C-alpha atoms as a PDB file:
ATOM      1  CA  MET A   1       0.796  10.841   1.548  1.00  0.00           C
ATOM      2  CA  TYR A   2       1.303   9.131  -1.643  1.00  0.00           C
ATOM      3  CA  ASN A   3       2.909   7.126  -3.683  1.00  0.00           C
ATOM      4  CA  TYR A   4       4.175   8.196  -7.352  1.00  0.00           C
ATOM      5  CA  GLY A   5       6.677   5.447  -7.319  1.00  0.00           C
ATOM      6  CA  ASN A   6       9.739   6.223  -9.447  1.00  0.00           C
ATOM      7  CA  GLN A   7       8.237   9.510  -9.841  1.00  0.00           C
ATOM      8  CA  ALA A   8       8.092  10.992  -6.683  1.00  0.00           C
ATOM      9  CA  LEU A   9      12.310  13.117  -6.592  1.00  0.00           C
ATOM     10  CA  HIS A  10      10.465  14.822 -10.513  1.00  0.00           C
ATOM     11  CA  LEU A  11       7.270  15.625  -8.621  1.00  0.00           C
ATOM     12  CA  ILE A  12       9.231  17.109  -5.623  1.00  0.00           C
ATOM     13  CA  LYS A  13      12.200  19.187  -7.377  1.00  0.00           C
ATOM     14  CA  GLY A  14       9.646  20.407  -9.905  1.00  0.00           C
ATOM     15  CA  ASN A  15       6.947  21.282  -6.731  1.00  0.00           C
ATOM     16  CA  THR A  16       8.822  22.219  -3.874  1.00  0.00           C
ATOM     17  CA  HIS A  17       6.402  25.382  -3.651  1.00  0.00           C
ATOM     18  CA  ILE A  18       4.012  22.974  -2.850  1.00  0.00           C
ATOM     19  CA  ALA A  19       5.885  21.379   0.288  1.00  0.00           C
ATOM     20  CA  ASN A  20       6.353  25.929   0.906  1.00  0.00           C
ATOM     21  CA  GLN A  21       2.732  26.056   0.540  1.00  0.00           C
ATOM     22  CA  HIS A  22       1.732  23.509   2.991  1.00  0.00           C
ATOM     23  CA  HIS A  23       4.556  24.225   5.230  1.00  0.00           C
ATOM     24  CA  VAL A  24       6.198  20.610   4.869  1.00  0.00           C
ATOM     25  CA  ASN A  25       9.319  20.672   7.384  1.00  0.00           C
ATOM     26  CA  ILE A  26      10.151  16.690   6.794  1.00  0.00           C
ATOM     27  CA  LEU A  27       9.973  14.316   3.525  1.00  0.00           C
ATOM     28  CA  LEU A  28      10.422  10.993   3.262  1.00  0.00           C
ATOM     29  CA  LEU A  29      10.699   9.423   0.037  1.00  0.00           C
ATOM     30  CA  GLN A  30      10.457   5.797  -0.479  1.00  0.00           C
ATOM     31  CA  GLU A  31      11.757   4.641  -3.929  1.00  0.00           C
ATOM     32  CA  THR A  32      13.952   7.306  -5.467  1.00  0.00           C
ATOM     33  CA  HIS A  33      15.592   4.541  -7.992  1.00  0.00           C
ATOM     34  CA  CYS A  34      18.687   6.425  -7.284  1.00  0.00           C
ATOM     35  CA  VAL A  35      22.219   5.299  -6.427  1.00  0.00           C
ATOM     36  CA  ASN A  36      23.235   8.753  -6.306  1.00  0.00           C
ATOM     37  CA  GLU A  37      23.227  10.708  -3.528  1.00  0.00           C
ATOM     38  CA  ASP A  38      23.640  13.940  -5.734  1.00  0.00           C
ATOM     39  CA  LYS A  39      21.169  13.262  -7.793  1.00  0.00           C
ATOM     40  CA  LEU A  40      18.751  13.956  -5.207  1.00  0.00           C
ATOM     41  CA  SER A  41      18.856  17.233  -4.104  1.00  0.00           C
ATOM     42  CA  ILE A  42      15.740  19.562  -3.846  1.00  0.00           C
ATOM     43  CA  ASP A  43      15.700  23.118  -3.815  1.00  0.00           C
ATOM     44  CA  GLY A  44      15.152  24.760   0.320  1.00  0.00           C
ATOM     45  CA  PHE A  45      16.144  20.927   1.861  1.00  0.00           C
ATOM     46  CA  ASP A  46      19.053  19.328   3.042  1.00  0.00           C
ATOM     47  CA  ASN A  47      19.251  15.396   2.889  1.00  0.00           C
ATOM     48  CA  ILE A  48      19.370  14.180   5.918  1.00  0.00           C
ATOM     49  CA  SER A  49      19.901  10.622   5.093  1.00  0.00           C
ATOM     50  CA  PHE A  50      20.286   8.463   2.036  1.00  0.00           C
ATOM     51  CA  ILE A  51      19.888   4.171   1.002  1.00  0.00           C
ATOM     52  CA  GLY A  52      21.175   3.864  -2.609  1.00  0.00           C
ATOM     53  CA  HIS A  53      19.521   1.922  -4.640  1.00  0.00           C
ATOM     54  CA  ASN A  54      18.220   1.332  -8.366  1.00  0.00           C
ATOM     55  CA  LYS A  55      15.214  -0.239  -7.618  1.00  0.00           C
ATOM     56  CA  HIS A  56      14.404   0.692  -4.985  1.00  0.00           C
ATOM     57  CA  GLY A  57      16.098   3.695  -2.473  1.00  0.00           C
ATOM     58  CA  ILE A  58      14.663   6.110   1.211  1.00  0.00           C
ATOM     59  CA  ALA A  59      16.018   9.417   1.978  1.00  0.00           C
ATOM     60  CA  CYS A  60      14.409  11.787   4.249  1.00  0.00           C
ATOM     61  CA  TYR A  61      15.016  15.867   4.180  1.00  0.00           C
ATOM     62  CA  ALA A  62      14.287  18.193   6.446  1.00  0.00           C
ATOM     63  CA  LYS A  63      13.972  22.276   5.216  1.00  0.00           C
ATOM     64  CA  GLN A  64      16.589  23.631   5.265  1.00  0.00           C
ATOM     65  CA  GLY A  65      17.153  25.529   8.490  1.00  0.00           C
ATOM     66  CA  ILE A  66      15.805  23.139  10.564  1.00  0.00           C
ATOM     67  CA  ASN A  67      18.042  20.741  13.120  1.00  0.00           C
ATOM     68  CA  ALA A  68      17.511  17.598  11.607  1.00  0.00           C
ATOM     69  CA  ARG A  69      20.561  15.123  12.387  1.00  0.00           C
ATOM     70  CA  ALA A  70      20.432  11.147  11.351  1.00  0.00           C
ATOM     71  CA  LEU A  71      19.895   8.573  14.231  1.00  0.00           C
ATOM     72  CA  GLN A  72      20.023   4.890  12.843  1.00  0.00           C
ATOM     73  CA  GLN A  73      19.512   3.370   9.405  1.00  0.00           C
ATOM     74  CA  SER A  74      19.266  -0.448   8.337  1.00  0.00           C
ATOM     75  CA  PRO A  75      22.289  -2.831   7.148  1.00  0.00           C
ATOM     76  CA  ALA A  76      23.852  -2.619   3.888  1.00  0.00           C
ATOM     77  CA  ASN A  77      21.798  -4.770   1.324  1.00  0.00           C
ATOM     78  CA  SER A  78      19.223  -5.483   3.824  1.00  0.00           C
ATOM     79  CA  ALA A  79      15.885  -6.256   1.707  1.00  0.00           C
ATOM     80  CA  ILE A  80      13.822  -3.982   3.738  1.00  0.00           C
ATOM     81  CA  GLU A  81      15.364  -0.051   4.007  1.00  0.00           C
ATOM     82  CA  TRP A  82      14.432   1.707   6.903  1.00  0.00           C
ATOM     83  CA  CYS A  83      16.252   5.098   8.476  1.00  0.00           C
ATOM     84  CA  ILE A  84      15.453   6.879  11.504  1.00  0.00           C
ATOM     85  CA  ILE A  85      16.193  10.762  12.029  1.00  0.00           C
ATOM     86  CA  GLU A  86      15.521  13.243  14.664  1.00  0.00           C
ATOM     87  CA  ALA A  87      14.123  17.111  14.109  1.00  0.00           C
ATOM     88  CA  LEU A  88      12.482  18.905  15.974  1.00  0.00           C
ATOM     89  CA  GLY A  89      11.553  16.948  19.356  1.00  0.00           C
ATOM     90  CA  THR A  90      10.482  13.952  16.709  1.00  0.00           C
ATOM     91  CA  THR A  91      11.134  10.939  15.885  1.00  0.00           C
ATOM     92  CA  PHE A  92      11.035   9.993  12.011  1.00  0.00           C
ATOM     93  CA  CYS A  93      10.687   6.317  10.914  1.00  0.00           C
ATOM     94  CA  ASN A  94      11.199   5.731   6.918  1.00  0.00           C
ATOM     95  CA  ILE A  95      10.484   2.338   5.862  1.00  0.00           C
ATOM     96  CA  TYR A  96      10.580   1.023   2.216  1.00  0.00           C
ATOM     97  CA  LYS A  97       9.972  -3.358   1.804  1.00  0.00           C
ATOM     98  CA  PRO A  98       9.819  -4.154  -2.099  1.00  0.00           C
ATOM     99  CA  PRO A  99       7.026  -6.712  -2.545  1.00  0.00           C
ATOM    100  CA  PRO A 100       8.629  -9.690  -3.196  1.00  0.00           C
ATOM    101  CA  ALA A 101      10.128  -9.285   0.301  1.00  0.00           C
ATOM    102  CA  GLU A 102       9.130 -11.071   3.114  1.00  0.00           C
ATOM    103  CA  LEU A 103       8.407  -8.604   6.782  1.00  0.00           C
ATOM    104  CA  ASP A 104      10.934  -9.793   8.803  1.00  0.00           C
ATOM    105  CA  VAL A 105       9.983  -7.863  12.186  1.00  0.00           C
ATOM    106  CA  SER A 106      13.439  -8.667  12.930  1.00  0.00           C
ATOM    107  CA  SER A 107      14.859  -6.149  11.184  1.00  0.00           C
ATOM    108  CA  LEU A 108      13.092  -3.736  11.353  1.00  0.00           C
ATOM    109  CA  PRO A 109      13.642  -0.965  14.472  1.00  0.00           C
ATOM    110  CA  THR A 110      12.101  -0.376  17.992  1.00  0.00           C
ATOM    111  CA  ILE A 111      10.685   2.433  17.187  1.00  0.00           C
ATOM    112  CA  PRO A 112      11.012   5.682  20.835  1.00  0.00           C
ATOM    113  CA  VAL A 113       7.840   7.060  21.802  1.00  0.00           C
ATOM    114  CA  ASN A 114       7.355  11.141  19.955  1.00  0.00           C
ATOM    115  CA  SER A 115       7.643   9.082  16.727  1.00  0.00           C
ATOM    116  CA  PHE A 116       6.090   9.039  12.836  1.00  0.00           C
ATOM    117  CA  VAL A 117       6.684   6.804  11.300  1.00  0.00           C
ATOM    118  CA  CYS A 118       6.534   7.066   6.960  1.00  0.00           C
ATOM    119  CA  GLY A 119       6.927   3.778   4.743  1.00  0.00           C
ATOM    120  CA  ASP A 120       5.443   1.478   1.809  1.00  0.00           C
ATOM    121  CA  PHE A 121       4.985  -1.435   3.763  1.00  0.00           C
ATOM    122  CA  ASN A 122       3.513  -3.357  -0.239  1.00  0.00           C
ATOM    123  CA  CYS A 123       1.523  -5.898   2.734  1.00  0.00           C
ATOM    124  CA  ARG A 124      -1.958  -6.138   3.210  1.00  0.00           C
ATOM    125  CA  ASN A 125      -4.373  -6.084   6.378  1.00  0.00           C
ATOM    126  CA  ILE A 126      -8.583  -4.695   6.944  1.00  0.00           C
ATOM    127  CA  LYS A 127      -6.961  -2.556   9.141  1.00  0.00           C
ATOM    128  CA  TRP A 128      -6.048  -0.543   6.085  1.00  0.00           C
ATOM    129  CA  GLY A 129      -8.343  -0.435   3.700  1.00  0.00           C
ATOM    130  CA  TYR A 130      -7.616  -3.962   2.093  1.00  0.00           C
ATOM    131  CA  PRO A 131     -10.334  -6.814   1.683  1.00  0.00           C
ATOM    132  CA  ASN A 132      -7.685  -9.302   3.004  1.00  0.00           C
ATOM    133  CA  THR A 133      -4.925  -9.767   5.772  1.00  0.00           C
ATOM    134  CA  ASP A 134      -2.077 -11.320   4.467  1.00  0.00           C
ATOM    135  CA  ARG A 135       1.461 -12.642   6.689  1.00  0.00           C
ATOM    136  CA  ASN A 136       3.110  -9.309   5.698  1.00  0.00           C
ATOM    137  CA  GLY A 137       0.195  -7.770   6.954  1.00  0.00           C
ATOM    138  CA  SER A 138      -0.146  -8.721   9.626  1.00  0.00           C
ATOM    139  CA  ALA A 139       3.476  -8.657  10.939  1.00  0.00           C
ATOM    140  CA  ALA A 140       3.872  -5.480  10.125  1.00  0.00           C
ATOM    141  CA  SER A 141       0.309  -4.578  12.479  1.00  0.00           C
ATOM    142  CA  ASP A 142       1.822  -6.393  14.843  1.00  0.00           C
ATOM    143  CA  TRP A 143       4.970  -4.658  14.845  1.00  0.00           C
ATOM    144  CA  ALA A 144       3.584  -1.808  14.701  1.00  0.00           C
ATOM    145  CA  GLU A 145       1.406  -2.861  17.999  1.00  0.00           C
ATOM    146  CA  SER A 146       4.411  -3.773  19.393  1.00  0.00           C
ATOM    147  CA  ASN A 147       5.713  -0.318  19.714  1.00  0.00           C
ATOM    148  CA  ASN A 148       2.918   1.113  20.234  1.00  0.00           C
ATOM    149  CA  LEU A 149       2.045   2.468  17.039  1.00  0.00           C
ATOM    150  CA  HIS A 150      -1.485   3.689  16.102  1.00  0.00           C
ATOM    151  CA  LEU A 151      -1.837   4.129  12.225  1.00  0.00           C
ATOM    152  CA  LEU A 152      -3.204   7.061  10.792  1.00  0.00           C
ATOM    153  CA  PHE A 153      -5.787   5.742   8.327  1.00  0.00           C
ATOM    154  CA  ASP A 154      -9.574   6.793   8.051  1.00  0.00           C
ATOM    155  CA  ASN A 155     -11.224   4.110   5.488  1.00  0.00           C
ATOM    156  CA  LYS A 156     -12.754   7.203   3.897  1.00  0.00           C
ATOM    157  CA  ASP A 157      -9.251   8.794   2.709  1.00  0.00           C
ATOM    158  CA  PRO A 158      -8.321   8.142  -0.667  1.00  0.00           C
ATOM    159  CA  ARG A 159      -5.924   5.417  -1.554  1.00  0.00           C
ATOM    160  CA  THR A 160      -2.234   6.010  -2.788  1.00  0.00           C
ATOM    161  CA  PHE A 161      -1.305   3.782  -5.297  1.00  0.00           C
ATOM    162  CA  TYR A 162      -2.906   2.459  -8.086  1.00  0.00           C
ATOM    163  CA  SER A 163      -1.810  -0.261 -10.172  1.00  0.00           C
ATOM    164  CA  GLY A 164      -2.273  -0.623 -14.021  1.00  0.00           C
ATOM    165  CA  ARG A 165      -1.904  -4.178 -13.899  1.00  0.00           C
ATOM    166  CA  HIS A 166      -5.054  -5.096 -11.814  1.00  0.00           C
ATOM    167  CA  GLY A 167      -7.020  -1.573 -12.441  1.00  0.00           C
ATOM    168  CA  THR A 168      -7.014  -1.576  -8.231  1.00  0.00           C
ATOM    169  CA  TRP A 169      -6.189   1.736  -5.818  1.00  0.00           C
ATOM    170  CA  THR A 170      -4.970   0.344  -2.541  1.00  0.00           C
ATOM    171  CA  SER A 171      -3.440   1.690   0.550  1.00  0.00           C
ATOM    172  CA  PRO A 172       0.649   0.104   0.741  1.00  0.00           C
ATOM    173  CA  ASP A 173       1.582   3.157   1.802  1.00  0.00           C
ATOM    174  CA  LEU A 174       0.947   3.944   5.631  1.00  0.00           C
ATOM    175  CA  SER A 175       1.733   6.627   8.397  1.00  0.00           C
ATOM    176  CA  PHE A 176       2.090   5.793  12.032  1.00  0.00           C
ATOM    177  CA  ILE A 177       2.690   8.284  15.199  1.00  0.00           C
ATOM    178  CA  SER A 178       3.784   7.226  18.486  1.00  0.00           C
ATOM    179  CA  ASN A 179       0.155   6.012  21.093  1.00  0.00           C
ATOM    180  CA  ASN A 180       1.458   9.152  23.127  1.00  0.00           C
ATOM    181  CA  ILE A 181       1.390  11.699  20.477  1.00  0.00           C
ATOM    182  CA  SER A 182      -2.177  10.110  19.258  1.00  0.00           C
ATOM    183  CA  ARG A 183      -3.594  10.941  22.903  1.00  0.00           C
ATOM    184  CA  ARG A 184      -2.272  14.937  22.634  1.00  0.00           C
END
């Protein structure tokens, strides 16, 4: 997973062959920067869930032909955007927390078993390679633990976001899987 910021949609739309080459069935995008769902069309994929926003926004896609359905999403105008879809016998949760927002875990969904969670959490925690843990990073870690989620992170993995302002690579983009899946 990589954070391409507001370029993600353009990169994916122009390179759907990469998704096909890697047999991608589900796409979870954050920071779509789009209020019009019609502009989020990606060849070969169906848009299953969408929360539009001119500065944030998220979308969940399933490869055409896959039976997928939207289950839940965050309330309108919520500071933290999330949506949950179901496909292939698995629940997928897509989360975006803007940098200035505080992570209020009571606004996050409860995650069922057989789940994959992907998101741009914009929080710091030593568990995902930061030199320190901030309040949001602690809250994200506690939320994941309370939902029996396993962090998919290896300190040897490349970082997912480059800050031109700070000249640093970090990992605000996180993926978790249910503990029952991680034991398979």
